[in-house]
């Protein structure tokens, strides 16, 4: 839950870097919260709640992915590769699997090694 709250606190921040665990834990909690919003929306028959749950996580997920790109020493503009269907899917997993080991122009190593 710490990673989720950290990403939500940095709602509009694209500076610095984000670790893999920051990215994946935020993604996991976002999916669970989205499912909860979907369930509540289905129970009370109000699809607007599902849209609200998606809207809450839209900007933080983009900024977190940009910080993740910074962690693998890429510019945030590489985020636009995700708009290309097959290349975006492959790049998404490349960006989340590679590990950072030292400082780069985007900031210090978030792991502190």
PDB file of N, CA and C in Angstrom:
ATOM      1  N   UNK A   1       0.819  -1.191   0.000  1.00  0.00           N
ATOM      2  CA  UNK A   1       0.000   0.000   0.000  1.00  0.00           C
ATOM      3  C   UNK A   1       0.868   1.262   0.000  1.00  0.00           C
ATOM      4  N   UNK A   2       2.074   1.138   0.508  1.00  0.00           N
ATOM      5  CA  UNK A   2       3.003   2.269   0.548  1.00  0.00           C
ATOM      6  C   UNK A   2       3.313   2.784  -0.854  1.00  0.00           C
ATOM      7  N   UNK A   3       3.487   1.864  -1.802  1.00  0.00           N
ATOM      8  CA  UNK A   3       3.798   2.255  -3.181  1.00  0.00           C
ATOM      9  C   UNK A   3       2.611   2.975  -3.825  1.00  0.00           C
ATOM     10  N   UNK A   4       1.413   2.532  -3.502  1.00  0.00           N
ATOM     11  CA  UNK A   4       0.202   3.157  -4.043  1.00  0.00           C
ATOM     12  C   UNK A   4       0.062   4.584  -3.533  1.00  0.00           C
ATOM     13  N   UNK A   5       0.208   4.768  -2.235  1.00  0.00           N
ATOM     14  CA  UNK A   5       0.073   6.107  -1.672  1.00  0.00           C
ATOM     15  C   UNK A   5       1.197   7.022  -2.147  1.00  0.00           C
ATOM     16  N   UNK A   6       2.396   6.466  -2.339  1.00  0.00           N
ATOM     17  CA  UNK A   6       3.511   7.259  -2.857  1.00  0.00           C
ATOM     18  C   UNK A   6       3.194   7.768  -4.262  1.00  0.00           C
ATOM     19  N   UNK A   7       2.649   6.902  -5.114  1.00  0.00           N
ATOM     20  CA  UNK A   7       2.302   7.302  -6.481  1.00  0.00           C
ATOM     21  C   UNK A   7       1.171   8.322  -6.481  1.00  0.00           C
ATOM     22  N   UNK A   8       0.218   8.182  -5.583  1.00  0.00           N
ATOM     23  CA  UNK A   8      -0.885   9.136  -5.525  1.00  0.00           C
ATOM     24  C   UNK A   8      -0.414  10.492  -4.993  1.00  0.00           C
ATOM     25  N   UNK A   9       0.574  10.504  -4.104  1.00  0.00           N
ATOM     26  CA  UNK A   9       1.114  11.772  -3.609  1.00  0.00           C
ATOM     27  C   UNK A   9       1.875  12.503  -4.717  1.00  0.00           C
ATOM     28  N   UNK A  10       2.493  11.743  -5.597  1.00  0.00           N
ATOM     29  CA  UNK A  10       3.248  12.329  -6.712  1.00  0.00           C
ATOM     30  C   UNK A  10       2.364  12.389  -7.961  1.00  0.00           C
ATOM     31  N   UNK A  11       1.125  12.792  -7.798  1.00  0.00           N
ATOM     32  CA  UNK A  11       0.092  12.755  -8.833  1.00  0.00           C
ATOM     33  C   UNK A  11       0.541  13.379 -10.154  1.00  0.00           C
ATOM     34  N   UNK A  12       1.112  14.582 -10.115  1.00  0.00           N
ATOM     35  CA  UNK A  12       1.508  15.282 -11.333  1.00  0.00           C
ATOM     36  C   UNK A  12       3.021  15.360 -11.502  1.00  0.00           C
ATOM     37  N   UNK A  13       3.786  14.616 -10.730  1.00  0.00           N
ATOM     38  CA  UNK A  13       5.238  14.716 -10.753  1.00  0.00           C
ATOM     39  C   UNK A  13       5.841  13.725 -11.741  1.00  0.00           C
ATOM     40  N   UNK A  14       6.638  14.254 -12.685  1.00  0.00           N
ATOM     41  CA  UNK A  14       7.324  13.370 -13.621  1.00  0.00           C
ATOM     42  C   UNK A  14       8.829  13.395 -13.399  1.00  0.00           C
ATOM     43  N   UNK A  15       9.301  14.214 -12.471  1.00  0.00           N
ATOM     44  CA  UNK A  15      10.726  14.238 -12.170  1.00  0.00           C
ATOM     45  C   UNK A  15      11.085  13.018 -11.331  1.00  0.00           C
ATOM     46  N   UNK A  16      12.358  12.700 -11.317  1.00  0.00           N
ATOM     47  CA  UNK A  16      12.912  11.594 -10.553  1.00  0.00           C
ATOM     48  C   UNK A  16      12.610  10.246 -11.187  1.00  0.00           C
ATOM     49  N   UNK A  17      12.704   9.209 -10.368  1.00  0.00           N
ATOM     50  CA  UNK A  17      12.621   7.849 -10.876  1.00  0.00           C
ATOM     51  C   UNK A  17      11.689   7.011 -10.008  1.00  0.00           C
ATOM     52  N   UNK A  18      11.194   5.912 -10.585  1.00  0.00           N
ATOM     53  CA  UNK A  18      10.329   4.982  -9.860  1.00  0.00           C
ATOM     54  C   UNK A  18      10.853   3.564 -10.066  1.00  0.00           C
ATOM     55  N   UNK A  19      10.879   2.796  -9.013  1.00  0.00           N
ATOM     56  CA  UNK A  19      11.372   1.423  -9.092  1.00  0.00           C
ATOM     57  C   UNK A  19      10.312   0.507  -9.700  1.00  0.00           C
ATOM     58  N   UNK A  20      10.739  -0.712 -10.006  1.00  0.00           N
ATOM     59  CA  UNK A  20       9.787  -1.697 -10.532  1.00  0.00           C
ATOM     60  C   UNK A  20       8.706  -1.995  -9.514  1.00  0.00           C
ATOM     61  N   UNK A  21       9.091  -2.111  -8.251  1.00  0.00           N
ATOM     62  CA  UNK A  21       8.087  -2.417  -7.232  1.00  0.00           C
ATOM     63  C   UNK A  21       7.079  -1.275  -7.097  1.00  0.00           C
ATOM     64  N   UNK A  22       7.541  -0.027  -7.206  1.00  0.00           N
ATOM     65  CA  UNK A  22       6.599   1.100  -7.202  1.00  0.00           C
ATOM     66  C   UNK A  22       5.575   0.930  -8.312  1.00  0.00           C
ATOM     67  N   UNK A  23       6.062   0.617  -9.494  1.00  0.00           N
ATOM     68  CA  UNK A  23       5.193   0.497 -10.658  1.00  0.00           C
ATOM     69  C   UNK A  23       4.214  -0.669 -10.509  1.00  0.00           C
ATOM     70  N   UNK A  24       4.706  -1.857 -10.196  1.00  0.00           N
ATOM     71  CA  UNK A  24       3.844  -3.035 -10.164  1.00  0.00           C
ATOM     72  C   UNK A  24       2.866  -3.032  -8.997  1.00  0.00           C
ATOM     73  N   UNK A  25       3.283  -2.556  -7.824  1.00  0.00           N
ATOM     74  CA  UNK A  25       2.346  -2.500  -6.703  1.00  0.00           C
ATOM     75  C   UNK A  25       1.248  -1.476  -6.947  1.00  0.00           C
ATOM     76  N   UNK A  26       1.606  -0.343  -7.553  1.00  0.00           N
ATOM     77  CA  UNK A  26       0.583   0.638  -7.902  1.00  0.00           C
ATOM     78  C   UNK A  26      -0.398   0.045  -8.913  1.00  0.00           C
ATOM     79  N   UNK A  27       0.124  -0.660  -9.899  1.00  0.00           N
ATOM     80  CA  UNK A  27      -0.733  -1.283 -10.909  1.00  0.00           C
ATOM     81  C   UNK A  27      -1.679  -2.296 -10.271  1.00  0.00           C
ATOM     82  N   UNK A  28      -1.155  -3.119  -9.376  1.00  0.00           N
ATOM     83  CA  UNK A  28      -1.984  -4.121  -8.702  1.00  0.00           C
ATOM     84  C   UNK A  28      -3.101  -3.470  -7.888  1.00  0.00           C
ATOM     85  N   UNK A  29      -2.754  -2.484  -7.080  1.00  0.00           N
ATOM     86  CA  UNK A  29      -3.770  -1.825  -6.258  1.00  0.00           C
ATOM     87  C   UNK A  29      -4.763  -1.069  -7.136  1.00  0.00           C
ATOM     88  N   UNK A  30      -4.298  -0.471  -8.225  1.00  0.00           N
ATOM     89  CA  UNK A  30      -5.208   0.231  -9.141  1.00  0.00           C
ATOM     90  C   UNK A  30      -6.222  -0.720  -9.754  1.00  0.00           C
ATOM     91  N   UNK A  31      -5.774  -1.907 -10.109  1.00  0.00           N
ATOM     92  CA  UNK A  31      -6.699  -2.905 -10.660  1.00  0.00           C
ATOM     93  C   UNK A  31      -7.728  -3.318  -9.613  1.00  0.00           C
ATOM     94  N   UNK A  32      -7.264  -3.529  -8.395  1.00  0.00           N
ATOM     95  CA  UNK A  32      -8.192  -3.916  -7.322  1.00  0.00           C
ATOM     96  C   UNK A  32      -9.187  -2.802  -7.010  1.00  0.00           C
ATOM     97  N   UNK A  33      -8.715  -1.572  -6.955  1.00  0.00           N
ATOM     98  CA  UNK A  33      -9.614  -0.439  -6.703  1.00  0.00           C
ATOM     99  C   UNK A  33     -10.578  -0.279  -7.870  1.00  0.00           C
ATOM    100  N   UNK A  34     -10.089  -0.460  -9.100  1.00  0.00           N
ATOM    101  CA  UNK A  34     -10.968  -0.387 -10.264  1.00  0.00           C
ATOM    102  C   UNK A  34     -12.041  -1.467 -10.235  1.00  0.00           C
ATOM    103  N   UNK A  35     -11.657  -2.662  -9.817  1.00  0.00           N
ATOM    104  CA  UNK A  35     -12.635  -3.747  -9.700  1.00  0.00           C
ATOM    105  C   UNK A  35     -13.674  -3.431  -8.623  1.00  0.00           C
ATOM    106  N   UNK A  36     -13.217  -2.826  -7.539  1.00  0.00           N
ATOM    107  CA  UNK A  36     -14.145  -2.438  -6.475  1.00  0.00           C
ATOM    108  C   UNK A  36     -15.120  -1.373  -6.971  1.00  0.00           C
ATOM    109  N   UNK A  37     -14.602  -0.375  -7.690  1.00  0.00           N
ATOM    110  CA  UNK A  37     -15.482   0.636  -8.270  1.00  0.00           C
ATOM    111  C   UNK A  37     -16.449  -0.006  -9.264  1.00  0.00           C
ATOM    112  N   UNK A  38     -15.971  -0.968 -10.060  1.00  0.00           N
ATOM    113  CA  UNK A  38     -16.836  -1.664 -11.006  1.00  0.00           C
ATOM    114  C   UNK A  38     -17.932  -2.447 -10.313  1.00  0.00           C
ATOM    115  N   UNK A  39     -17.578  -3.100  -9.226  1.00  0.00           N
ATOM    116  CA  UNK A  39     -18.562  -3.871  -8.458  1.00  0.00           C
ATOM    117  C   UNK A  39     -19.611  -2.955  -7.840  1.00  0.00           C
ATOM    118  N   UNK A  40     -19.152  -1.870  -7.250  1.00  0.00           N
ATOM    119  CA  UNK A  40     -20.094  -0.913  -6.654  1.00  0.00           C
ATOM    120  C   UNK A  40     -20.979  -0.306  -7.734  1.00  0.00           C
ATOM    121  N   UNK A  41     -20.387   0.031  -8.880  1.00  0.00           N
ATOM    122  CA  UNK A  41     -21.175   0.590  -9.978  1.00  0.00           C
ATOM    123  C   UNK A  41     -22.217  -0.378 -10.502  1.00  0.00           C
ATOM    124  N   UNK A  42     -21.858  -1.667 -10.536  1.00  0.00           N
ATOM    125  CA  UNK A  42     -22.816  -2.675 -11.006  1.00  0.00           C
ATOM    126  C   UNK A  42     -23.933  -2.892  -9.988  1.00  0.00           C
ATOM    127  N   UNK A  43     -23.581  -2.861  -8.710  1.00  0.00           N
ATOM    128  CA  UNK A  43     -24.588  -3.092  -7.670  1.00  0.00           C
ATOM    129  C   UNK A  43     -25.617  -1.973  -7.647  1.00  0.00           C
ATOM    130  N   UNK A  44     -25.163  -0.733  -7.727  1.00  0.00           N
ATOM    131  CA  UNK A  44     -26.117   0.380  -7.660  1.00  0.00           C
ATOM    132  C   UNK A  44     -26.531   0.872  -9.042  1.00  0.00           C
ATOM    133  N   UNK A  45     -26.088   0.149 -10.087  1.00  0.00           N
ATOM    134  CA  UNK A  45     -26.457   0.448 -11.468  1.00  0.00           C
ATOM    135  C   UNK A  45     -26.142   1.902 -11.840  1.00  0.00           C
ATOM    136  N   UNK A  46     -24.878   2.252 -11.598  1.00  0.00           N
ATOM    137  CA  UNK A  46     -24.423   3.614 -11.896  1.00  0.00           C
ATOM    138  C   UNK A  46     -23.040   3.538 -12.528  1.00  0.00           C
ATOM    139  N   UNK A  47     -22.957   3.449 -13.880  1.00  0.00           N
ATOM    140  CA  UNK A  47     -21.664   3.294 -14.548  1.00  0.00           C
ATOM    141  C   UNK A  47     -20.744   4.502 -14.404  1.00  0.00           C
ATOM    142  N   UNK A  48     -21.260   5.616 -13.936  1.00  0.00           N
ATOM    143  CA  UNK A  48     -20.437   6.800 -13.738  1.00  0.00           C
ATOM    144  C   UNK A  48     -19.366   6.543 -12.680  1.00  0.00           C
ATOM    145  N   UNK A  49     -19.653   5.698 -11.730  1.00  0.00           N
ATOM    146  CA  UNK A  49     -18.687   5.376 -10.669  1.00  0.00           C
ATOM    147  C   UNK A  49     -17.484   4.646 -11.261  1.00  0.00           C
ATOM    148  N   UNK A  50     -17.706   3.780 -12.230  1.00  0.00           N
ATOM    149  CA  UNK A  50     -16.596   3.082 -12.890  1.00  0.00           C
ATOM    150  C   UNK A  50     -15.707   4.099 -13.609  1.00  0.00           C
ATOM    151  N   UNK A  51     -16.312   5.051 -14.284  1.00  0.00           N
ATOM    152  CA  UNK A  51     -15.552   6.101 -14.959  1.00  0.00           C
ATOM    153  C   UNK A  51     -14.757   6.922 -13.950  1.00  0.00           C
ATOM    154  N   UNK A  52     -15.335   7.208 -12.811  1.00  0.00           N
ATOM    155  CA  UNK A  52     -14.649   7.970 -11.764  1.00  0.00           C
ATOM    156  C   UNK A  52     -13.425   7.203 -11.249  1.00  0.00           C
ATOM    157  N   UNK A  53     -13.576   5.904 -11.048  1.00  0.00           N
ATOM    158  CA  UNK A  53     -12.444   5.083 -10.602  1.00  0.00           C
ATOM    159  C   UNK A  53     -11.323   5.061 -11.624  1.00  0.00           C
ATOM    160  N   UNK A  54     -11.673   5.027 -12.896  1.00  0.00           N
ATOM    161  CA  UNK A  54     -10.665   5.058 -13.962  1.00  0.00           C
ATOM    162  C   UNK A  54     -10.001   6.425 -14.023  1.00  0.00           C
ATOM    163  N   UNK A  55     -10.773   7.459 -13.896  1.00  0.00           N
ATOM    164  CA  UNK A  55     -10.257   8.820 -13.966  1.00  0.00           C
ATOM    165  C   UNK A  55      -9.289   9.122 -12.824  1.00  0.00           C
ATOM    166  N   UNK A  56      -9.558   8.600 -11.650  1.00  0.00           N
ATOM    167  CA  UNK A  56      -8.687   8.824 -10.491  1.00  0.00           C
ATOM    168  C   UNK A  56      -7.284   8.275 -10.749  1.00  0.00           C
ATOM    169  N   UNK A  57      -7.190   7.146 -11.444  1.00  0.00           N
ATOM    170  CA  UNK A  57      -5.896   6.487 -11.647  1.00  0.00           C
ATOM    171  C   UNK A  57      -5.236   6.809 -12.984  1.00  0.00           C
ATOM    172  N   UNK A  58      -5.887   7.561 -13.833  1.00  0.00           N
ATOM    173  CA  UNK A  58      -5.357   7.820 -15.172  1.00  0.00           C
ATOM    174  C   UNK A  58      -4.052   8.618 -15.134  1.00  0.00           C
ATOM    175  N   UNK A  59      -4.066   9.783 -14.544  1.00  0.00           N
ATOM    176  CA  UNK A  59      -2.868  10.632 -14.523  1.00  0.00           C
ATOM    177  C   UNK A  59      -1.742  10.020 -13.692  1.00  0.00           C
ATOM    178  N   UNK A  60      -2.007   9.486 -12.487  1.00  0.00           N
ATOM    179  CA  UNK A  60      -0.893   8.890 -11.742  1.00  0.00           C
ATOM    180  C   UNK A  60      -0.244   7.710 -12.458  1.00  0.00           C
ATOM    181  N   UNK A  61      -1.014   6.953 -13.219  1.00  0.00           N
ATOM    182  CA  UNK A  61      -0.405   5.826 -13.926  1.00  0.00           C
ATOM    183  C   UNK A  61       0.511   6.315 -15.044  1.00  0.00           C
ATOM    184  N   UNK A  62       0.144   7.396 -15.704  1.00  0.00           N
ATOM    185  CA  UNK A  62       1.001   7.957 -16.745  1.00  0.00           C
ATOM    186  C   UNK A  62       2.272   8.528 -16.138  1.00  0.00           C
ATOM    187  N   UNK A  63       2.136   9.333 -15.093  1.00  0.00           N
ATOM    188  CA  UNK A  63       3.324   9.938 -14.489  1.00  0.00           C
ATOM    189  C   UNK A  63       4.225   8.888 -13.850  1.00  0.00           C
ATOM    190  N   UNK A  64       3.643   7.848 -13.286  1.00  0.00           N
ATOM    191  CA  UNK A  64       4.450   6.774 -12.707  1.00  0.00           C
ATOM    192  C   UNK A  64       5.211   6.034 -13.797  1.00  0.00           C
ATOM    193  N   UNK A  65       4.584   5.795 -14.935  1.00  0.00           N
ATOM    194  CA  UNK A  65       5.281   5.117 -16.027  1.00  0.00           C
ATOM    195  C   UNK A  65       6.407   5.987 -16.580  1.00  0.00           C
ATOM    196  N   UNK A  66       6.196   7.287 -16.631  1.00  0.00           N
ATOM    197  CA  UNK A  66       7.266   8.185 -17.074  1.00  0.00           C
ATOM    198  C   UNK A  66       8.424   8.148 -16.093  1.00  0.00           C
ATOM    199  N   UNK A  67       8.133   8.145 -14.800  1.00  0.00           N
ATOM    200  CA  UNK A  67       9.212   8.021 -13.809  1.00  0.00           C
ATOM    201  C   UNK A  67       9.898   6.667 -13.921  1.00  0.00           C
ATOM    202  N   UNK A  68       9.148   5.640 -14.287  1.00  0.00           N
ATOM    203  CA  UNK A  68       9.739   4.313 -14.495  1.00  0.00           C
ATOM    204  C   UNK A  68      10.679   4.349 -15.706  1.00  0.00           C
ATOM    205  N   UNK A  69      10.276   5.049 -16.752  1.00  0.00           N
ATOM    206  CA  UNK A  69      11.153   5.207 -17.914  1.00  0.00           C
ATOM    207  C   UNK A  69      12.436   5.937 -17.530  1.00  0.00           C
ATOM    208  N   UNK A  70      12.319   6.928 -16.681  1.00  0.00           N
ATOM    209  CA  UNK A  70      13.506   7.625 -16.199  1.00  0.00           C
ATOM    210  C   UNK A  70      14.421   6.664 -15.454  1.00  0.00           C
ATOM    211  N   UNK A  71      13.859   5.700 -14.757  1.00  0.00           N
ATOM    212  CA  UNK A  71      14.664   4.750 -14.009  1.00  0.00           C
ATOM    213  C   UNK A  71      15.491   3.858 -14.925  1.00  0.00           C
ATOM    214  N   UNK A  72      14.985   3.594 -16.128  1.00  0.00           N
ATOM    215  CA  UNK A  72      15.771   2.781 -17.066  1.00  0.00           C
ATOM    216  C   UNK A  72      16.543   3.656 -18.038  1.00  0.00           C
ATOM    217  N   UNK A  73      16.695   4.929 -17.664  1.00  0.00           N
ATOM    218  CA  UNK A  73      17.525   5.886 -18.399  1.00  0.00           C
ATOM    219  C   UNK A  73      16.965   6.219 -19.784  1.00  0.00           C
ATOM    220  N   UNK A  74      15.649   6.369 -19.863  1.00  0.00           N
ATOM    221  CA  UNK A  74      14.984   6.799 -21.096  1.00  0.00           C
ATOM    222  C   UNK A  74      14.172   8.059 -20.809  1.00  0.00           C
ATOM    223  N   UNK A  75      13.991   8.864 -21.822  1.00  0.00           N
ATOM    224  CA  UNK A  75      13.183  10.069 -21.702  1.00  0.00           C
ATOM    225  C   UNK A  75      11.708   9.687 -21.532  1.00  0.00           C
ATOM    226  N   UNK A  76      10.961  10.557 -20.906  1.00  0.00           N
ATOM    227  CA  UNK A  76       9.534  10.329 -20.736  1.00  0.00           C
ATOM    228  C   UNK A  76       8.762  10.320 -22.043  1.00  0.00           C
ATOM    229  N   UNK A  77       9.347  10.893 -23.097  1.00  0.00           N
ATOM    230  CA  UNK A  77       8.697  10.895 -24.402  1.00  0.00           C
ATOM    231  C   UNK A  77       8.565   9.486 -24.969  1.00  0.00           C
ATOM    232  N   UNK A  78       9.335   8.544 -24.469  1.00  0.00           N
ATOM    233  CA  UNK A  78       9.199   7.159 -24.908  1.00  0.00           C
ATOM    234  C   UNK A  78       7.833   6.586 -24.527  1.00  0.00           C
ATOM    235  N   UNK A  79       7.125   7.276 -23.663  1.00  0.00           N
ATOM    236  CA  UNK A  79       5.775   6.862 -23.291  1.00  0.00           C
ATOM    237  C   UNK A  79       4.876   6.770 -24.521  1.00  0.00           C
ATOM    238  N   UNK A  80       5.142   7.602 -25.507  1.00  0.00           N
ATOM    239  CA  UNK A  80       4.314   7.611 -26.718  1.00  0.00           C
ATOM    240  C   UNK A  80       4.414   6.318 -27.523  1.00  0.00           C
ATOM    241  N   UNK A  81       5.460   5.525 -27.293  1.00  0.00           N
ATOM    242  CA  UNK A  81       5.589   4.230 -27.976  1.00  0.00           C
ATOM    243  C   UNK A  81       4.422   3.320 -27.584  1.00  0.00           C
ATOM    244  N   UNK A  82       3.852   3.532 -26.409  1.00  0.00           N
ATOM    245  CA  UNK A  82       2.722   2.702 -25.980  1.00  0.00           C
ATOM    246  C   UNK A  82       1.495   2.881 -26.865  1.00  0.00           C
ATOM    247  N   UNK A  83       1.463   3.939 -27.644  1.00  0.00           N
ATOM    248  CA  UNK A  83       0.339   4.162 -28.545  1.00  0.00           C
ATOM    249  C   UNK A  83       0.395   3.276 -29.790  1.00  0.00           C
ATOM    250  N   UNK A  84       1.559   2.689 -30.050  1.00  0.00           N
ATOM    251  CA  UNK A  84       1.710   1.761 -31.173  1.00  0.00           C
ATOM    252  C   UNK A  84       1.341   0.372 -30.638  1.00  0.00           C
ATOM    253  N   UNK A  85       0.321  -0.283 -31.194  1.00  0.00           N
ATOM    254  CA  UNK A  85      -0.220  -1.498 -30.583  1.00  0.00           C
ATOM    255  C   UNK A  85       0.787  -2.587 -30.223  1.00  0.00           C
ATOM    256  N   UNK A  86       1.448  -3.198 -31.143  1.00  0.00           N
ATOM    257  CA  UNK A  86       2.325  -4.329 -30.820  1.00  0.00           C
ATOM    258  C   UNK A  86       3.627  -3.846 -30.192  1.00  0.00           C
ATOM    259  N   UNK A  87       4.218  -2.805 -30.768  1.00  0.00           N
ATOM    260  CA  UNK A  87       5.470  -2.265 -30.224  1.00  0.00           C
ATOM    261  C   UNK A  87       5.255  -1.744 -28.806  1.00  0.00           C
ATOM    262  N   UNK A  88       4.113  -1.125 -28.557  1.00  0.00           N
ATOM    263  CA  UNK A  88       3.809  -0.614 -27.224  1.00  0.00           C
ATOM    264  C   UNK A  88       3.709  -1.719 -26.199  1.00  0.00           C
ATOM    265  N   UNK A  89       3.108  -2.829 -26.570  1.00  0.00           N
ATOM    266  CA  UNK A  89       2.972  -3.966 -25.651  1.00  0.00           C
ATOM    267  C   UNK A  89       4.340  -4.543 -25.293  1.00  0.00           C
ATOM    268  N   UNK A  90       5.188  -4.709 -26.282  1.00  0.00           N
ATOM    269  CA  UNK A  90       6.537  -5.242 -26.045  1.00  0.00           C
ATOM    270  C   UNK A  90       7.350  -4.256 -25.213  1.00  0.00           C
ATOM    271  N   UNK A  91       7.269  -2.974 -25.544  1.00  0.00           N
ATOM    272  CA  UNK A  91       8.026  -1.957 -24.816  1.00  0.00           C
ATOM    273  C   UNK A  91       7.575  -1.859 -23.366  1.00  0.00           C
ATOM    274  N   UNK A  92       6.273  -2.025 -23.114  1.00  0.00           N
ATOM    275  CA  UNK A  92       5.736  -1.980 -21.753  1.00  0.00           C
ATOM    276  C   UNK A  92       6.445  -3.002 -20.878  1.00  0.00           C
ATOM    277  N   UNK A  93       6.586  -4.218 -21.363  1.00  0.00           N
ATOM    278  CA  UNK A  93       7.237  -5.246 -20.560  1.00  0.00           C
ATOM    279  C   UNK A  93       8.748  -5.056 -20.490  1.00  0.00           C
ATOM    280  N   UNK A  94       9.362  -4.534 -21.522  1.00  0.00           N
ATOM    281  CA  UNK A  94      10.789  -4.219 -21.476  1.00  0.00           C
ATOM    282  C   UNK A  94      11.060  -3.172 -20.399  1.00  0.00           C
ATOM    283  N   UNK A  95      10.219  -2.151 -20.362  1.00  0.00           N
ATOM    284  CA  UNK A  95      10.411  -1.058 -19.411  1.00  0.00           C
ATOM    285  C   UNK A  95      10.176  -1.500 -17.972  1.00  0.00           C
ATOM    286  N   UNK A  96       9.398  -2.528 -17.776  1.00  0.00           N
ATOM    287  CA  UNK A  96       9.118  -2.957 -16.411  1.00  0.00           C
ATOM    288  C   UNK A  96      10.034  -4.083 -15.947  1.00  0.00           C
ATOM    289  N   UNK A  97      10.745  -4.708 -16.845  1.00  0.00           N
ATOM    290  CA  UNK A  97      11.621  -5.807 -16.439  1.00  0.00           C
ATOM    291  C   UNK A  97      13.063  -5.384 -16.205  1.00  0.00           C
ATOM    292  N   UNK A  98      13.532  -4.383 -16.930  1.00  0.00           N
ATOM    293  CA  UNK A  98      14.914  -3.958 -16.796  1.00  0.00           C
ATOM    294  C   UNK A  98      15.114  -3.260 -15.455  1.00  0.00           C
ATOM    295  N   UNK A  99      16.257  -3.497 -14.849  1.00  0.00           N
ATOM    296  CA  UNK A  99      16.527  -2.943 -13.533  1.00  0.00           C
ATOM    297  C   UNK A  99      17.511  -1.789 -13.621  1.00  0.00           C
ATOM    298  N   UNK A 100      17.407  -0.863 -12.708  1.00  0.00           N
ATOM    299  CA  UNK A 100      18.356   0.246 -12.657  1.00  0.00           C
ATOM    300  C   UNK A 100      19.437  -0.062 -11.626  1.00  0.00           C
ATOM    301  N   UNK A 101      20.653   0.369 -11.920  1.00  0.00           N
ATOM    302  CA  UNK A 101      21.738   0.054 -11.001  1.00  0.00           C
ATOM    303  C   UNK A 101      22.502   1.266 -10.509  1.00  0.00           C
ATOM    304  N   UNK A 102      22.504   2.363 -11.251  1.00  0.00           N
ATOM    305  CA  UNK A 102      23.281   3.519 -10.822  1.00  0.00           C
ATOM    306  C   UNK A 102      22.543   4.808 -11.136  1.00  0.00           C
ATOM    307  N   UNK A 103      23.167   5.924 -10.784  1.00  0.00           N
ATOM    308  CA  UNK A 103      22.562   7.228 -11.034  1.00  0.00           C
ATOM    309  C   UNK A 103      22.535   7.528 -12.530  1.00  0.00           C
ATOM    310  N   UNK A 104      21.565   8.351 -12.941  1.00  0.00           N
ATOM    311  CA  UNK A 104      21.481   8.789 -14.332  1.00  0.00           C
ATOM    312  C   UNK A 104      21.033  10.245 -14.357  1.00  0.00           C
ATOM    313  N   UNK A 105      20.900  10.865 -15.522  1.00  0.00           N
ATOM    314  CA  UNK A 105      20.532  12.292 -15.576  1.00  0.00           C
ATOM    315  C   UNK A 105      19.163  12.613 -14.963  1.00  0.00           C
ATOM    316  N   UNK A 106      18.329  11.614 -14.760  1.00  0.00           N
ATOM    317  CA  UNK A 106      16.991  11.843 -14.234  1.00  0.00           C
ATOM    318  C   UNK A 106      16.931  11.795 -12.716  1.00  0.00           C
ATOM    319  N   UNK A 107      18.008  11.389 -12.068  1.00  0.00           N
ATOM    320  CA  UNK A 107      18.031  11.358 -10.611  1.00  0.00           C
ATOM    321  C   UNK A 107      18.900  10.254 -10.066  1.00  0.00           C
ATOM    322  N   UNK A 108      18.976  10.216  -8.755  1.00  0.00           N
ATOM    323  CA  UNK A 108      19.753   9.190  -8.076  1.00  0.00           C
ATOM    324  C   UNK A 108      19.014   7.860  -8.110  1.00  0.00           C
ATOM    325  N   UNK A 109      19.764   6.788  -7.882  1.00  0.00           N
ATOM    326  CA  UNK A 109      19.183   5.452  -7.839  1.00  0.00           C
ATOM    327  C   UNK A 109      18.182   5.389  -6.681  1.00  0.00           C
ATOM    328  N   UNK A 110      16.905   5.081  -6.951  1.00  0.00           N
ATOM    329  CA  UNK A 110      15.916   5.049  -5.872  1.00  0.00           C
ATOM    330  C   UNK A 110      16.126   3.908  -4.880  1.00  0.00           C
ATOM    331  N   UNK A 111      16.878   2.903  -5.291  1.00  0.00           N
ATOM    332  CA  UNK A 111      17.146   1.783  -4.390  1.00  0.00           C
ATOM    333  C   UNK A 111      18.284   2.080  -3.429  1.00  0.00           C
ATOM    334  N   UNK A 112      19.088   3.077  -3.761  1.00  0.00           N
ATOM    335  CA  UNK A 112      20.168   3.487  -2.877  1.00  0.00           C
ATOM    336  C   UNK A 112      21.399   2.603  -2.931  1.00  0.00           C
ATOM    337  N   UNK A 113      21.543   1.769  -3.947  1.00  0.00           N
ATOM    338  CA  UNK A 113      22.730   0.908  -4.043  1.00  0.00           C
ATOM    339  C   UNK A 113      23.903   1.710  -4.528  1.00  0.00           C
TER     340      UNK A 113
END
